[in-house]
Amino acid sequence: MMLFIFLLAIAIPMVRWFQIDAAMLGSQNFVKGKTTGLCEVFGRGRGISFEYEVAGRKHVGCSTFHPLELNSIKVPDGYYLVRY
């Protein structure tokens, strides 16, 4: 019984995370974002930090730039579309 409760406690958030990721990948909503510098992406190395605003709330993110070359992306103050 305890094992079932433990597995259920793990499964519910994981299913929700997959639903959120799938909704974001299928979304066609874009806003203008601005690169702010370089950052470290856990397990993937160097990435680009960026910020964008949706409905008056400011969001900050860090993502890899693969398969593009770093010198093809303007950092900082480059403006790009961000999917939300």
C-alpha atoms as a PDB file:
ATOM      1  CA  MET A   1       0.000   0.000   0.000  1.00  0.00           C
ATOM      2  CA  MET A   2       2.823   2.405   0.870  1.00  0.00           C
ATOM      3  CA  LEU A   3       4.516   1.645  -2.444  1.00  0.00           C
ATOM      4  CA  PHE A   4       1.313   2.517  -4.310  1.00  0.00           C
ATOM      5  CA  ILE A   5       0.996   5.838  -2.477  1.00  0.00           C
ATOM      6  CA  PHE A   6       4.657   6.617  -3.163  1.00  0.00           C
ATOM      7  CA  LEU A   7       4.326   5.853  -6.882  1.00  0.00           C
ATOM      8  CA  LEU A   8       1.117   7.871  -7.091  1.00  0.00           C
ATOM      9  CA  ALA A   9       2.799  10.838  -5.388  1.00  0.00           C
ATOM     10  CA  ILE A  10       5.550  10.733  -8.017  1.00  0.00           C
ATOM     11  CA  ALA A  11       3.321  10.029 -11.025  1.00  0.00           C
ATOM     12  CA  ILE A  12       0.839  12.887 -10.570  1.00  0.00           C
ATOM     13  CA  PRO A  13       3.399  15.749 -10.816  1.00  0.00           C
ATOM     14  CA  MET A  14       5.257  14.015 -13.655  1.00  0.00           C
ATOM     15  CA  VAL A  15       2.100  13.699 -15.752  1.00  0.00           C
ATOM     16  CA  ARG A  16       1.340  17.369 -15.117  1.00  0.00           C
ATOM     17  CA  TRP A  17       4.877  18.407 -16.181  1.00  0.00           C
ATOM     18  CA  PHE A  18       4.524  16.457 -19.434  1.00  0.00           C
ATOM     19  CA  GLN A  19       1.156  18.105 -20.095  1.00  0.00           C
ATOM     20  CA  ILE A  20       2.653  21.569 -19.565  1.00  0.00           C
ATOM     21  CA  ASP A  21       5.609  20.809 -21.861  1.00  0.00           C
ATOM     22  CA  ALA A  22       3.319  19.438 -24.570  1.00  0.00           C
ATOM     23  CA  ALA A  23       1.089  22.510 -24.360  1.00  0.00           C
ATOM     24  CA  MET A  24       4.094  24.826 -24.691  1.00  0.00           C
ATOM     25  CA  LEU A  25       5.510  22.937 -27.684  1.00  0.00           C
ATOM     26  CA  GLY A  26       2.145  23.031 -29.435  1.00  0.00           C
ATOM     27  CA  SER A  27       1.545  26.688 -28.646  1.00  0.00           C
ATOM     28  CA  GLN A  28       1.754  29.262 -31.415  1.00  0.00           C
ATOM     29  CA  ASN A  29       1.944  32.229 -29.037  1.00  0.00           C
ATOM     30  CA  PHE A  30       5.096  34.315 -29.354  1.00  0.00           C
ATOM     31  CA  VAL A  31       6.317  37.508 -27.683  1.00  0.00           C
ATOM     32  CA  LYS A  32       9.415  39.588 -28.255  1.00  0.00           C
ATOM     33  CA  GLY A  33      12.270  38.578 -25.950  1.00  0.00           C
ATOM     34  CA  LYS A  34      15.692  40.106 -25.316  1.00  0.00           C
ATOM     35  CA  THR A  35      18.949  38.257 -24.712  1.00  0.00           C
ATOM     36  CA  THR A  36      20.720  39.390 -21.555  1.00  0.00           C
ATOM     37  CA  GLY A  37      23.912  37.329 -21.431  1.00  0.00           C
ATOM     38  CA  LEU A  38      25.366  33.852 -21.117  1.00  0.00           C
ATOM     39  CA  CYS A  39      24.410  31.267 -18.489  1.00  0.00           C
ATOM     40  CA  GLU A  40      25.029  27.624 -17.589  1.00  0.00           C
ATOM     41  CA  VAL A  41      22.353  25.059 -18.475  1.00  0.00           C
ATOM     42  CA  PHE A  42      22.558  22.084 -16.103  1.00  0.00           C
ATOM     43  CA  GLY A  43      23.963  19.072 -17.918  1.00  0.00           C
ATOM     44  CA  ARG A  44      24.236  20.872 -21.264  1.00  0.00           C
ATOM     45  CA  GLY A  45      26.911  23.509 -20.783  1.00  0.00           C
ATOM     46  CA  ARG A  46      26.735  27.092 -21.917  1.00  0.00           C
ATOM     47  CA  GLY A  47      23.436  28.724 -22.789  1.00  0.00           C
ATOM     48  CA  ILE A  48      21.869  32.128 -23.371  1.00  0.00           C
ATOM     49  CA  SER A  49      19.855  33.959 -20.730  1.00  0.00           C
ATOM     50  CA  PHE A  50      16.874  35.952 -21.944  1.00  0.00           C
ATOM     51  CA  GLU A  51      13.906  37.873 -20.611  1.00  0.00           C
ATOM     52  CA  TYR A  52      10.416  38.475 -21.931  1.00  0.00           C
ATOM     53  CA  GLU A  53       7.106  39.870 -20.703  1.00  0.00           C
ATOM     54  CA  VAL A  54       3.671  38.246 -20.861  1.00  0.00           C
ATOM     55  CA  ALA A  55       0.549  40.005 -19.562  1.00  0.00           C
ATOM     56  CA  GLY A  56       2.591  42.467 -17.526  1.00  0.00           C
ATOM     57  CA  ARG A  57       4.722  39.795 -15.812  1.00  0.00           C
ATOM     58  CA  LYS A  58       8.448  39.642 -16.542  1.00  0.00           C
ATOM     59  CA  HIS A  59       9.954  36.181 -17.081  1.00  0.00           C
ATOM     60  CA  VAL A  60      13.623  35.188 -17.229  1.00  0.00           C
ATOM     61  CA  GLY A  61      14.958  32.013 -18.819  1.00  0.00           C
ATOM     62  CA  CYS A  62      18.144  30.208 -19.770  1.00  0.00           C
ATOM     63  CA  SER A  63      18.320  27.873 -22.754  1.00  0.00           C
ATOM     64  CA  THR A  64      20.861  26.272 -25.059  1.00  0.00           C
ATOM     65  CA  PHE A  65      21.446  27.613 -28.543  1.00  0.00           C
ATOM     66  CA  HIS A  66      22.069  24.260 -30.279  1.00  0.00           C
ATOM     67  CA  PRO A  67      22.214  23.782 -33.337  1.00  0.00           C
ATOM     68  CA  LEU A  68      23.077  27.448 -33.974  1.00  0.00           C
ATOM     69  CA  GLU A  69      26.538  28.900 -33.524  1.00  0.00           C
ATOM     70  CA  LEU A  70      26.956  31.313 -30.622  1.00  0.00           C
ATOM     71  CA  ASN A  71      28.422  34.020 -32.877  1.00  0.00           C
ATOM     72  CA  SER A  72      25.202  33.995 -34.968  1.00  0.00           C
ATOM     73  CA  ILE A  73      23.151  35.171 -31.953  1.00  0.00           C
ATOM     74  CA  LYS A  74      23.459  38.721 -30.668  1.00  0.00           C
ATOM     75  CA  VAL A  75      24.225  38.614 -26.925  1.00  0.00           C
ATOM     76  CA  PRO A  76      23.367  40.855 -25.079  1.00  0.00           C
ATOM     77  CA  ASP A  77      20.532  43.034 -26.394  1.00  0.00           C
ATOM     78  CA  GLY A  78      19.482  40.766 -29.246  1.00  0.00           C
ATOM     79  CA  TYR A  79      15.728  40.697 -29.860  1.00  0.00           C
ATOM     80  CA  TYR A  80      14.062  37.401 -30.792  1.00  0.00           C
ATOM     81  CA  LEU A  81      10.629  35.785 -30.610  1.00  0.00           C
ATOM     82  CA  VAL A  82      10.027  33.603 -27.541  1.00  0.00           C
ATOM     83  CA  ARG A  83       7.334  30.920 -27.447  1.00  0.00           C
ATOM     84  CA  TYR A  84       5.294  30.889 -24.236  1.00  0.00           C
END
